Amino acid sequence: MSTCPNCGSEYADGASCVVCGHPGDDPSEVAEPSADTTDTRVEAAVTGADTAIPGAATGTTTAPPPPDAPAPPPSAPTGPGTALQPPSPDALPVTESERNWGMVAHLSSLVAAGIGGMGFLGPLIVWLVKKDDSRFVRHHAVEALNFNLSLLLYTLLMVMVGLTIVGLVVAIPAAVIGLVLWFVASIVAAVKAQRGEAYRYPLTIRLVRE
């Protein structure tokens, strides 16, 4: 059934309106899509293909890392302004000769102090002879030299303090403690050098740099 657009009466499909005589629609007339509509649909399809999200065509997606994943290790700094630090004496391969020279640098202070009271002369000689040949020997010679020079300065200070009665009470125990510290630290440093390890003396004023 069709509805008349003039009077609103219903009539059979393909017939005229029985009330006002309005001719009915021809059922053989089928609406064909216009060329403009077809072109619009084709253009929309092409545009949609061009604006597709990358990765959607291949079906691959990038999943975010899990929250508990460990952070990647930081890369080594590079660039013209980056300075590489020299390796420590512990990180260097040490020969038997270097270990012996390092031990001599510490024990020579005991010998030199026993001869003339100048404990720094032994490490000074080792430093002058081997400073350009081995970084390991240079490290131990510089440590022994600085330690004995520091003890010499402390001894001079204690002598000045000991010129008074009150200072003498303080200077004598300090001198005994310093003597024990000097002997024990020198032995420990010699053992460390013989093992191929680095060593840092306590209470040392580092006047000479490596």
N, C-alpha and C. Protein backbone atom coordinates (compact mmCIF):
# COMPACT_ATOMS: atom_id res chain seq x y z
N MET A 1 0.84 -1.19 0.00
CA MET A 1 0.00 0.00 0.00
C MET A 1 0.88 1.24 0.00
N SER A 2 0.38 2.31 -0.71
CA SER A 2 1.10 3.58 -0.77
C SER A 2 0.19 4.66 -0.25
N THR A 3 0.77 5.73 0.26
CA THR A 3 0.02 6.86 0.81
C THR A 3 0.10 8.02 -0.16
N CYS A 4 -1.06 8.61 -0.50
CA CYS A 4 -1.11 9.72 -1.46
C CYS A 4 -0.50 10.96 -0.82
N PRO A 5 0.41 11.60 -1.52
CA PRO A 5 1.01 12.82 -0.94
C PRO A 5 0.07 14.01 -0.94
N ASN A 6 -1.08 13.96 -1.74
CA ASN A 6 -2.00 15.10 -1.80
C ASN A 6 -3.06 15.04 -0.71
N CYS A 7 -3.78 13.87 -0.64
CA CYS A 7 -4.88 13.78 0.30
C CYS A 7 -4.62 12.84 1.47
N GLY A 8 -3.56 12.06 1.38
CA GLY A 8 -3.24 11.17 2.47
C GLY A 8 -3.98 9.85 2.43
N SER A 9 -4.68 9.58 1.36
CA SER A 9 -5.41 8.32 1.27
C SER A 9 -4.47 7.21 0.84
N GLU A 10 -4.79 5.99 1.24
CA GLU A 10 -3.99 4.84 0.88
C GLU A 10 -4.57 4.20 -0.37
N TYR A 11 -3.64 3.70 -1.21
CA TYR A 11 -4.06 3.04 -2.43
C TYR A 11 -3.02 1.98 -2.75
N ALA A 12 -3.38 1.13 -3.71
CA ALA A 12 -2.50 0.01 -4.06
C ALA A 12 -1.26 0.53 -4.76
N ASP A 13 -0.15 -0.23 -4.57
CA ASP A 13 1.10 0.15 -5.23
C ASP A 13 0.95 0.10 -6.74
N GLY A 14 1.42 1.13 -7.45
CA GLY A 14 1.37 1.18 -8.91
C GLY A 14 0.05 1.73 -9.44
N ALA A 15 -1.01 1.91 -8.61
CA ALA A 15 -2.30 2.46 -9.05
C ALA A 15 -2.39 3.92 -8.72
N SER A 16 -3.48 4.59 -9.25
CA SER A 16 -3.72 6.00 -8.95
C SER A 16 -4.59 6.11 -7.72
N CYS A 17 -4.50 7.27 -7.06
CA CYS A 17 -5.29 7.52 -5.85
C CYS A 17 -6.77 7.55 -6.22
N VAL A 18 -7.60 6.80 -5.49
CA VAL A 18 -9.02 6.72 -5.81
C VAL A 18 -9.76 7.96 -5.34
N VAL A 19 -9.14 8.80 -4.54
CA VAL A 19 -9.82 9.98 -4.00
C VAL A 19 -9.54 11.20 -4.87
N CYS A 20 -8.22 11.49 -5.08
CA CYS A 20 -7.88 12.70 -5.84
C CYS A 20 -7.32 12.39 -7.21
N GLY A 21 -7.13 11.10 -7.54
CA GLY A 21 -6.63 10.72 -8.85
C GLY A 21 -5.15 10.93 -9.04
N HIS A 22 -4.37 11.09 -7.94
CA HIS A 22 -2.92 11.29 -8.08
C HIS A 22 -2.28 10.01 -8.59
N PRO A 23 -1.47 10.12 -9.64
CA PRO A 23 -0.87 8.89 -10.20
C PRO A 23 0.11 8.26 -9.20
N GLY A 24 0.12 6.96 -9.15
CA GLY A 24 1.03 6.25 -8.23
C GLY A 24 2.46 6.17 -8.77
N ASP A 25 3.40 5.74 -7.94
CA ASP A 25 4.80 5.59 -8.35
C ASP A 25 4.98 4.34 -9.17
N ASP A 26 5.86 4.44 -10.17
CA ASP A 26 6.14 3.29 -11.02
C ASP A 26 7.13 2.38 -10.31
N PRO A 27 6.73 1.15 -9.93
CA PRO A 27 7.65 0.26 -9.19
C PRO A 27 8.87 -0.15 -9.99
N SER A 28 8.82 0.04 -11.33
CA SER A 28 9.98 -0.36 -12.13
C SER A 28 11.12 0.64 -12.05
N GLU A 29 10.77 1.85 -11.53
CA GLU A 29 11.82 2.86 -11.43
C GLU A 29 12.63 2.61 -10.16
N VAL A 30 13.84 2.23 -10.33
CA VAL A 30 14.74 1.94 -9.20
C VAL A 30 15.79 3.02 -9.14
N ALA A 31 15.95 3.58 -7.97
CA ALA A 31 16.92 4.68 -7.81
C ALA A 31 18.33 4.15 -8.00
N GLU A 32 19.02 4.76 -8.92
CA GLU A 32 20.41 4.39 -9.19
C GLU A 32 21.34 5.35 -8.44
N PRO A 33 22.39 4.83 -7.92
CA PRO A 33 23.31 5.74 -7.22
C PRO A 33 23.97 6.66 -8.23
N SER A 34 24.07 7.93 -7.86
CA SER A 34 24.65 8.92 -8.74
C SER A 34 26.16 8.76 -8.77
N ALA A 35 26.72 9.35 -9.85
CA ALA A 35 28.18 9.26 -9.99
C ALA A 35 28.88 10.03 -8.89
N ASP A 36 28.23 11.14 -8.41
CA ASP A 36 28.85 11.93 -7.34
C ASP A 36 28.94 11.13 -6.05
N THR A 37 27.85 10.36 -5.79
CA THR A 37 27.87 9.56 -4.56
C THR A 37 28.93 8.48 -4.63
N THR A 38 29.06 7.84 -5.81
CA THR A 38 30.07 6.79 -5.96
C THR A 38 31.47 7.34 -5.80
N ASP A 39 31.71 8.51 -6.39
CA ASP A 39 33.05 9.10 -6.28
C ASP A 39 33.36 9.48 -4.84
N THR A 40 32.32 9.96 -4.12
CA THR A 40 32.54 10.34 -2.72
C THR A 40 32.91 9.14 -1.87
N ARG A 41 32.21 7.99 -2.14
CA ARG A 41 32.52 6.78 -1.38
C ARG A 41 33.92 6.28 -1.69
N VAL A 42 34.34 6.33 -2.96
CA VAL A 42 35.68 5.87 -3.33
C VAL A 42 36.74 6.76 -2.70
N GLU A 43 36.47 8.09 -2.73
CA GLU A 43 37.44 9.03 -2.15
C GLU A 43 37.56 8.82 -0.65
N ALA A 44 36.44 8.56 0.03
CA ALA A 44 36.48 8.31 1.47
C ALA A 44 37.26 7.04 1.79
N ALA A 45 37.11 6.00 0.94
CA ALA A 45 37.83 4.75 1.18
C ALA A 45 39.34 4.95 1.01
N VAL A 46 39.72 5.72 -0.04
CA VAL A 46 41.15 5.97 -0.27
C VAL A 46 41.73 6.80 0.85
N THR A 47 40.99 7.84 1.26
CA THR A 47 41.47 8.69 2.35
C THR A 47 41.62 7.91 3.64
N GLY A 48 40.71 7.01 3.92
CA GLY A 48 40.79 6.20 5.12
C GLY A 48 41.99 5.27 5.10
N ALA A 49 42.34 4.76 3.91
CA ALA A 49 43.51 3.88 3.81
C ALA A 49 44.80 4.65 4.05
N ASP A 50 44.83 5.94 3.58
CA ASP A 50 46.05 6.73 3.76
C ASP A 50 46.26 7.13 5.20
N THR A 51 45.20 7.31 5.96
CA THR A 51 45.31 7.78 7.35
C THR A 51 45.29 6.64 8.34
N ALA A 52 45.54 5.43 7.89
CA ALA A 52 45.54 4.28 8.81
C ALA A 52 46.71 4.40 9.78
N ILE A 53 46.53 3.91 10.96
CA ILE A 53 47.57 3.93 11.99
C ILE A 53 48.70 3.01 11.60
N PRO A 54 49.97 3.49 11.66
CA PRO A 54 51.08 2.58 11.32
C PRO A 54 51.10 1.36 12.22
N GLY A 55 51.32 0.22 11.61
CA GLY A 55 51.33 -1.02 12.37
C GLY A 55 50.00 -1.75 12.32
N ALA A 56 48.88 -1.02 11.97
CA ALA A 56 47.58 -1.68 11.94
C ALA A 56 47.48 -2.63 10.76
N ALA A 57 48.14 -2.27 9.62
CA ALA A 57 48.03 -3.11 8.43
C ALA A 57 48.74 -4.44 8.63
N THR A 58 49.84 -4.42 9.35
CA THR A 58 50.58 -5.66 9.57
C THR A 58 50.12 -6.41 10.81
N GLY A 59 49.31 -5.77 11.64
CA GLY A 59 48.80 -6.43 12.83
C GLY A 59 49.78 -6.45 13.98
N THR A 60 50.86 -5.63 13.91
CA THR A 60 51.87 -5.62 14.98
C THR A 60 51.66 -4.41 15.87
N THR A 61 51.82 -4.60 17.15
CA THR A 61 51.70 -3.52 18.13
C THR A 61 52.90 -3.58 19.07
N THR A 62 53.25 -2.44 19.62
CA THR A 62 54.37 -2.34 20.56
C THR A 62 53.81 -2.26 21.98
N ALA A 63 54.06 -3.29 22.76
CA ALA A 63 53.54 -3.33 24.12
C ALA A 63 54.45 -2.52 25.04
N PRO A 64 53.87 -1.74 25.96
CA PRO A 64 54.71 -0.99 26.90
C PRO A 64 55.43 -1.93 27.85
N PRO A 65 56.62 -1.53 28.36
CA PRO A 65 57.35 -2.42 29.29
C PRO A 65 56.61 -2.56 30.60
N PRO A 66 56.70 -3.70 31.25
CA PRO A 66 56.02 -3.88 32.54
C PRO A 66 56.57 -2.92 33.57
N PRO A 67 55.75 -2.54 34.57
CA PRO A 67 56.20 -1.55 35.56
C PRO A 67 57.37 -2.02 36.40
N ASP A 68 57.53 -3.35 36.58
CA ASP A 68 58.63 -3.84 37.41
C ASP A 68 59.87 -4.22 36.60
N ALA A 69 59.90 -3.84 35.30
CA ALA A 69 61.07 -4.17 34.49
C ALA A 69 62.25 -3.33 34.91
N PRO A 70 63.46 -3.92 35.00
CA PRO A 70 64.64 -3.13 35.41
C PRO A 70 65.01 -2.12 34.35
N ALA A 71 65.49 -0.98 34.79
CA ALA A 71 65.90 0.08 33.87
C ALA A 71 67.17 -0.35 33.14
N PRO A 72 67.30 0.05 31.87
CA PRO A 72 68.52 -0.33 31.13
C PRO A 72 69.73 0.34 31.74
N PRO A 73 70.90 -0.31 31.70
CA PRO A 73 72.10 0.29 32.30
C PRO A 73 72.49 1.55 31.57
N PRO A 74 72.95 2.58 32.29
CA PRO A 74 73.36 3.82 31.63
C PRO A 74 74.58 3.59 30.75
N SER A 75 74.53 4.21 29.61
CA SER A 75 75.66 4.08 28.69
C SER A 75 76.82 4.94 29.14
N ALA A 76 78.00 4.57 28.72
CA ALA A 76 79.20 5.32 29.11
C ALA A 76 79.15 6.70 28.49
N PRO A 77 79.49 7.74 29.26
CA PRO A 77 79.45 9.10 28.72
C PRO A 77 80.47 9.26 27.61
N THR A 78 80.03 9.90 26.54
CA THR A 78 80.90 10.15 25.41
C THR A 78 80.81 11.62 25.05
N GLY A 79 81.74 12.07 24.26
CA GLY A 79 81.73 13.45 23.83
C GLY A 79 83.09 14.07 24.00
N PRO A 80 83.28 15.24 23.37
CA PRO A 80 84.60 15.88 23.46
C PRO A 80 84.96 16.34 24.85
N GLY A 81 83.95 16.60 25.71
CA GLY A 81 84.25 17.10 27.05
C GLY A 81 84.35 16.01 28.10
N THR A 82 84.29 14.74 27.71
CA THR A 82 84.33 13.64 28.66
C THR A 82 85.77 13.18 28.86
N ALA A 83 86.21 13.21 30.12
CA ALA A 83 87.58 12.80 30.45
C ALA A 83 87.53 11.41 31.09
N LEU A 84 88.35 10.51 30.62
CA LEU A 84 88.41 9.16 31.17
C LEU A 84 89.35 9.14 32.36
N GLN A 85 88.86 8.56 33.47
CA GLN A 85 89.67 8.47 34.67
C GLN A 85 90.66 7.32 34.56
N PRO A 86 91.90 7.51 35.02
CA PRO A 86 92.87 6.41 34.96
C PRO A 86 92.46 5.29 35.90
N PRO A 87 92.78 4.06 35.58
CA PRO A 87 92.41 2.94 36.47
C PRO A 87 93.16 3.01 37.78
N SER A 88 92.55 2.48 38.83
CA SER A 88 93.18 2.46 40.15
C SER A 88 94.31 1.44 40.17
N PRO A 89 95.24 1.55 41.13
CA PRO A 89 96.32 0.56 41.20
C PRO A 89 95.83 -0.86 41.39
N ASP A 90 94.67 -1.03 42.05
CA ASP A 90 94.13 -2.38 42.25
C ASP A 90 93.67 -3.02 40.94
N ALA A 91 93.28 -2.17 39.95
CA ALA A 91 92.75 -2.70 38.69
C ALA A 91 93.85 -3.02 37.69
N LEU A 92 95.10 -2.72 38.00
CA LEU A 92 96.20 -2.96 37.07
C LEU A 92 96.86 -4.31 37.35
N PRO A 93 97.30 -5.01 36.31
CA PRO A 93 98.07 -6.24 36.54
C PRO A 93 99.43 -5.90 37.15
N VAL A 94 99.78 -6.59 38.20
CA VAL A 94 101.00 -6.29 38.96
C VAL A 94 101.93 -7.49 38.88
N THR A 95 103.20 -7.22 38.58
CA THR A 95 104.20 -8.28 38.51
C THR A 95 104.84 -8.49 39.88
N GLU A 96 105.61 -9.56 39.99
CA GLU A 96 106.30 -9.86 41.23
C GLU A 96 107.32 -8.76 41.56
N SER A 97 108.00 -8.25 40.54
CA SER A 97 108.97 -7.18 40.78
C SER A 97 108.29 -5.92 41.31
N GLU A 98 107.12 -5.58 40.79
CA GLU A 98 106.40 -4.39 41.26
C GLU A 98 105.95 -4.56 42.70
N ARG A 99 105.50 -5.74 43.06
CA ARG A 99 105.09 -5.98 44.44
C ARG A 99 106.28 -5.84 45.39
N ASN A 100 107.43 -6.33 44.96
CA ASN A 100 108.62 -6.21 45.82
C ASN A 100 109.04 -4.76 45.99
N TRP A 101 109.02 -4.01 44.91
CA TRP A 101 109.38 -2.60 45.01
C TRP A 101 108.38 -1.83 45.88
N GLY A 102 107.10 -2.15 45.77
CA GLY A 102 106.11 -1.51 46.63
C GLY A 102 106.35 -1.81 48.09
N MET A 103 106.72 -3.05 48.40
CA MET A 103 107.02 -3.41 49.78
C MET A 103 108.27 -2.68 50.27
N VAL A 104 109.28 -2.55 49.41
CA VAL A 104 110.51 -1.84 49.79
C VAL A 104 110.22 -0.38 50.08
N ALA A 105 109.28 0.22 49.35
CA ALA A 105 108.95 1.63 49.58
C ALA A 105 108.49 1.86 51.02
N HIS A 106 107.80 0.90 51.62
CA HIS A 106 107.30 1.06 52.98
C HIS A 106 108.35 0.65 54.02
N LEU A 107 109.02 -0.46 53.79
CA LEU A 107 110.00 -0.93 54.76
C LEU A 107 111.24 -0.05 54.80
N SER A 108 111.55 0.61 53.68
CA SER A 108 112.73 1.48 53.66
C SER A 108 112.59 2.66 54.61
N SER A 109 111.35 3.04 54.92
CA SER A 109 111.16 4.15 55.88
C SER A 109 111.60 3.71 57.28
N LEU A 110 111.38 2.43 57.62
CA LEU A 110 111.83 1.93 58.93
C LEU A 110 113.35 1.91 59.00
N VAL A 111 113.99 1.51 57.91
CA VAL A 111 115.46 1.45 57.89
C VAL A 111 116.05 2.86 57.95
N ALA A 112 115.49 3.79 57.14
CA ALA A 112 116.01 5.15 57.10
C ALA A 112 115.80 5.86 58.43
N ALA A 113 114.69 5.60 59.09
CA ALA A 113 114.44 6.23 60.38
C ALA A 113 115.39 5.69 61.44
N GLY A 114 115.73 4.40 61.33
CA GLY A 114 116.66 3.82 62.29
C GLY A 114 118.07 4.32 62.12
N ILE A 115 118.44 4.70 60.90
CA ILE A 115 119.79 5.17 60.65
C ILE A 115 119.96 6.63 61.03
N GLY A 116 119.11 7.49 60.52
CA GLY A 116 119.28 8.92 60.78
C GLY A 116 118.04 9.63 61.21
N GLY A 117 116.95 8.88 61.48
CA GLY A 117 115.72 9.54 61.89
C GLY A 117 114.98 10.23 60.76
N MET A 118 115.37 9.97 59.52
CA MET A 118 114.74 10.59 58.35
C MET A 118 113.98 9.50 57.58
N GLY A 119 112.82 9.12 58.10
CA GLY A 119 112.08 8.01 57.51
C GLY A 119 111.60 8.25 56.11
N PHE A 120 111.51 9.51 55.70
CA PHE A 120 110.99 9.80 54.36
C PHE A 120 112.03 9.56 53.26
N LEU A 121 113.32 9.39 53.61
CA LEU A 121 114.35 9.25 52.58
C LEU A 121 114.21 7.95 51.79
N GLY A 122 113.86 6.85 52.47
CA GLY A 122 113.70 5.58 51.76
C GLY A 122 112.60 5.63 50.72
N PRO A 123 111.36 6.01 51.08
CA PRO A 123 110.30 6.13 50.06
C PRO A 123 110.63 7.15 48.98
N LEU A 124 111.35 8.23 49.34
CA LEU A 124 111.73 9.24 48.35
C LEU A 124 112.63 8.65 47.28
N ILE A 125 113.60 7.83 47.69
CA ILE A 125 114.51 7.20 46.72
C ILE A 125 113.74 6.25 45.80
N VAL A 126 112.85 5.45 46.38
CA VAL A 126 112.06 4.52 45.55
C VAL A 126 111.18 5.29 44.58
N TRP A 127 110.59 6.38 45.03
CA TRP A 127 109.72 7.19 44.15
C TRP A 127 110.52 7.79 43.00
N LEU A 128 111.70 8.31 43.27
CA LEU A 128 112.52 8.92 42.22
C LEU A 128 112.99 7.88 41.20
N VAL A 129 113.26 6.67 41.66
CA VAL A 129 113.80 5.64 40.76
C VAL A 129 112.70 4.98 39.93
N LYS A 130 111.52 4.72 40.52
CA LYS A 130 110.50 3.88 39.87
C LYS A 130 109.22 4.63 39.51
N LYS A 131 109.16 5.94 39.69
CA LYS A 131 107.89 6.64 39.48
C LYS A 131 107.42 6.59 38.02
N ASP A 132 108.35 6.51 37.07
CA ASP A 132 107.98 6.48 35.66
C ASP A 132 107.87 5.06 35.10
N ASP A 133 108.21 4.06 35.89
CA ASP A 133 108.19 2.68 35.40
C ASP A 133 106.92 1.93 35.76
N SER A 134 106.33 2.24 36.91
CA SER A 134 105.17 1.47 37.38
C SER A 134 104.25 2.39 38.18
N ARG A 135 103.00 2.40 37.80
CA ARG A 135 102.02 3.19 38.57
C ARG A 135 101.78 2.58 39.94
N PHE A 136 101.85 1.26 40.03
CA PHE A 136 101.65 0.58 41.30
C PHE A 136 102.76 0.95 42.29
N VAL A 137 104.01 0.90 41.85
CA VAL A 137 105.13 1.27 42.72
C VAL A 137 105.07 2.75 43.07
N ARG A 138 104.70 3.57 42.11
CA ARG A 138 104.58 5.01 42.38
C ARG A 138 103.52 5.30 43.45
N HIS A 139 102.41 4.57 43.38
CA HIS A 139 101.35 4.75 44.38
C HIS A 139 101.87 4.46 45.79
N HIS A 140 102.54 3.33 45.97
CA HIS A 140 103.02 2.95 47.30
C HIS A 140 104.16 3.85 47.77
N ALA A 141 105.02 4.24 46.84
CA ALA A 141 106.12 5.14 47.23
C ALA A 141 105.59 6.51 47.65
N VAL A 142 104.59 7.03 46.93
CA VAL A 142 104.01 8.33 47.28
C VAL A 142 103.27 8.26 48.62
N GLU A 143 102.55 7.17 48.86
CA GLU A 143 101.86 7.02 50.13
C GLU A 143 102.84 6.97 51.30
N ALA A 144 103.90 6.18 51.16
CA ALA A 144 104.90 6.09 52.23
C ALA A 144 105.62 7.42 52.42
N LEU A 145 105.92 8.11 51.32
CA LEU A 145 106.60 9.40 51.42
C LEU A 145 105.73 10.43 52.12
N ASN A 146 104.48 10.53 51.75
CA ASN A 146 103.57 11.50 52.38
C ASN A 146 103.33 11.17 53.86
N PHE A 147 103.22 9.89 54.18
CA PHE A 147 103.00 9.51 55.57
C PHE A 147 104.18 9.89 56.45
N ASN A 148 105.39 9.63 55.98
CA ASN A 148 106.57 9.96 56.78
C ASN A 148 106.81 11.47 56.84
N LEU A 149 106.51 12.19 55.79
CA LEU A 149 106.60 13.65 55.85
C LEU A 149 105.57 14.21 56.83
N SER A 150 104.38 13.63 56.84
CA SER A 150 103.35 14.09 57.78
C SER A 150 103.78 13.83 59.23
N LEU A 151 104.37 12.65 59.49
CA LEU A 151 104.85 12.36 60.84
C LEU A 151 105.98 13.30 61.25
N LEU A 152 106.81 13.70 60.30
CA LEU A 152 107.88 14.65 60.60
C LEU A 152 107.29 16.01 61.01
N LEU A 153 106.26 16.44 60.30
CA LEU A 153 105.60 17.70 60.67
C LEU A 153 104.92 17.59 62.03
N TYR A 154 104.27 16.47 62.28
CA TYR A 154 103.63 16.28 63.59
C TYR A 154 104.67 16.26 64.71
N THR A 155 105.83 15.66 64.45
CA THR A 155 106.89 15.61 65.47
C THR A 155 107.41 17.01 65.79
N LEU A 156 107.62 17.82 64.76
CA LEU A 156 108.05 19.20 64.99
C LEU A 156 107.01 19.97 65.79
N LEU A 157 105.73 19.72 65.50
CA LEU A 157 104.67 20.39 66.25
C LEU A 157 104.68 19.95 67.71
N MET A 158 104.86 18.65 67.95
CA MET A 158 104.91 18.15 69.32
C MET A 158 106.11 18.72 70.09
N VAL A 159 107.22 18.92 69.41
CA VAL A 159 108.39 19.51 70.07
C VAL A 159 108.10 20.94 70.50
N MET A 160 107.42 21.68 69.64
CA MET A 160 107.07 23.06 70.00
C MET A 160 106.09 23.09 71.16
N VAL A 161 105.12 22.14 71.15
CA VAL A 161 104.15 22.10 72.24
C VAL A 161 104.82 21.64 73.53
N GLY A 162 105.80 20.75 73.42
CA GLY A 162 106.44 20.20 74.61
C GLY A 162 107.41 21.15 75.29
N LEU A 163 107.61 22.33 74.77
CA LEU A 163 108.51 23.28 75.42
C LEU A 163 107.96 23.79 76.74
N THR A 164 106.68 23.63 76.97
CA THR A 164 106.08 24.06 78.23
C THR A 164 105.77 22.84 79.08
N ILE A 165 105.54 23.06 80.37
CA ILE A 165 105.24 21.95 81.29
C ILE A 165 103.92 21.29 80.90
N VAL A 166 102.93 22.14 80.63
CA VAL A 166 101.61 21.59 80.27
C VAL A 166 101.69 20.87 78.94
N GLY A 167 102.42 21.44 77.98
CA GLY A 167 102.54 20.81 76.67
C GLY A 167 103.30 19.51 76.74
N LEU A 168 104.23 19.40 77.66
CA LEU A 168 105.01 18.17 77.79
C LEU A 168 104.13 17.00 78.20
N VAL A 169 103.12 17.26 79.00
CA VAL A 169 102.20 16.20 79.42
C VAL A 169 101.41 15.66 78.22
N VAL A 170 101.14 16.53 77.27
CA VAL A 170 100.39 16.11 76.08
C VAL A 170 101.32 15.54 75.03
N ALA A 171 102.51 16.10 74.90
CA ALA A 171 103.41 15.72 73.81
C ALA A 171 103.96 14.31 73.98
N ILE A 172 104.28 13.92 75.21
CA ILE A 172 104.88 12.60 75.40
C ILE A 172 103.92 11.47 75.03
N PRO A 173 102.67 11.45 75.51
CA PRO A 173 101.75 10.38 75.06
C PRO A 173 101.48 10.43 73.56
N ALA A 174 101.40 11.64 73.00
CA ALA A 174 101.16 11.75 71.55
C ALA A 174 102.33 11.19 70.76
N ALA A 175 103.56 11.41 71.27
CA ALA A 175 104.73 10.88 70.58
C ALA A 175 104.75 9.36 70.62
N VAL A 176 104.36 8.78 71.74
CA VAL A 176 104.32 7.31 71.84
C VAL A 176 103.27 6.72 70.90
N ILE A 177 102.09 7.35 70.88
CA ILE A 177 101.03 6.87 69.99
C ILE A 177 101.46 7.00 68.53
N GLY A 178 102.11 8.10 68.20
CA GLY A 178 102.57 8.29 66.82
C GLY A 178 103.62 7.28 66.41
N LEU A 179 104.50 6.93 67.35
CA LEU A 179 105.54 5.94 67.04
C LEU A 179 104.94 4.57 66.76
N VAL A 180 103.97 4.18 67.59
CA VAL A 180 103.30 2.89 67.38
C VAL A 180 102.53 2.90 66.06
N LEU A 181 101.82 4.00 65.79
CA LEU A 181 101.07 4.10 64.55
C LEU A 181 101.99 4.03 63.34
N TRP A 182 103.11 4.70 63.40
CA TRP A 182 104.05 4.69 62.28
C TRP A 182 104.56 3.27 61.99
N PHE A 183 104.93 2.52 63.04
CA PHE A 183 105.46 1.18 62.86
C PHE A 183 104.39 0.22 62.33
N VAL A 184 103.20 0.24 62.95
CA VAL A 184 102.13 -0.69 62.55
C VAL A 184 101.66 -0.38 61.13
N ALA A 185 101.45 0.89 60.83
CA ALA A 185 100.95 1.26 59.50
C ALA A 185 101.96 0.91 58.42
N SER A 186 103.25 1.07 58.70
CA SER A 186 104.27 0.73 57.71
C SER A 186 104.28 -0.77 57.42
N ILE A 187 104.12 -1.61 58.46
CA ILE A 187 104.09 -3.05 58.26
C ILE A 187 102.85 -3.46 57.46
N VAL A 188 101.69 -2.89 57.83
CA VAL A 188 100.45 -3.22 57.11
C VAL A 188 100.56 -2.81 55.64
N ALA A 189 101.12 -1.63 55.39
CA ALA A 189 101.26 -1.16 54.00
C ALA A 189 102.20 -2.07 53.22
N ALA A 190 103.28 -2.54 53.85
CA ALA A 190 104.21 -3.45 53.17
C ALA A 190 103.53 -4.77 52.81
N VAL A 191 102.70 -5.28 53.71
CA VAL A 191 101.97 -6.52 53.42
C VAL A 191 100.98 -6.32 52.27
N LYS A 192 100.28 -5.19 52.27
CA LYS A 192 99.35 -4.89 51.18
C LYS A 192 100.08 -4.81 49.85
N ALA A 193 101.23 -4.17 49.83
CA ALA A 193 101.99 -4.06 48.58
C ALA A 193 102.45 -5.43 48.10
N GLN A 194 102.89 -6.29 49.01
CA GLN A 194 103.32 -7.63 48.62
C GLN A 194 102.16 -8.45 48.06
N ARG A 195 100.95 -8.17 48.48
CA ARG A 195 99.77 -8.86 47.96
C ARG A 195 99.27 -8.25 46.66
N GLY A 196 99.87 -7.16 46.23
CA GLY A 196 99.42 -6.49 45.00
C GLY A 196 98.22 -5.60 45.19
N GLU A 197 98.01 -5.09 46.41
CA GLU A 197 96.86 -4.24 46.72
C GLU A 197 97.32 -2.82 47.00
N ALA A 198 96.42 -1.87 46.80
CA ALA A 198 96.69 -0.47 47.11
C ALA A 198 96.50 -0.24 48.61
N TYR A 199 97.04 0.86 49.10
CA TYR A 199 96.93 1.17 50.53
C TYR A 199 96.97 2.67 50.72
N ARG A 200 96.16 3.15 51.70
CA ARG A 200 96.12 4.57 52.05
C ARG A 200 96.43 4.72 53.53
N TYR A 201 97.49 5.46 53.84
CA TYR A 201 97.86 5.69 55.23
C TYR A 201 96.85 6.62 55.91
N PRO A 202 96.61 6.40 57.22
CA PRO A 202 95.73 7.32 57.94
C PRO A 202 96.49 8.58 58.38
N LEU A 203 95.73 9.63 58.66
CA LEU A 203 96.28 10.90 59.20
C LEU A 203 97.43 11.43 58.34
N THR A 204 97.26 11.36 57.05
CA THR A 204 98.33 11.73 56.13
C THR A 204 98.00 13.03 55.41
N ILE A 205 98.97 13.95 55.40
CA ILE A 205 98.88 15.14 54.59
C ILE A 205 99.54 14.83 53.25
N ARG A 206 98.78 14.77 52.20
CA ARG A 206 99.31 14.33 50.90
C ARG A 206 99.94 15.51 50.18
N LEU A 207 101.19 15.74 50.50
CA LEU A 207 101.94 16.83 49.91
C LEU A 207 102.42 16.51 48.50
N VAL A 208 102.73 15.25 48.26
CA VAL A 208 103.19 14.79 46.95
C VAL A 208 102.03 14.03 46.28
N ARG A 209 101.71 14.42 45.06
CA ARG A 209 100.62 13.77 44.33
C ARG A 209 101.18 12.68 43.41
N GLU A 210 100.33 11.70 43.14
CA GLU A 210 100.77 10.59 42.28
C GLU A 210 100.91 11.09 40.87
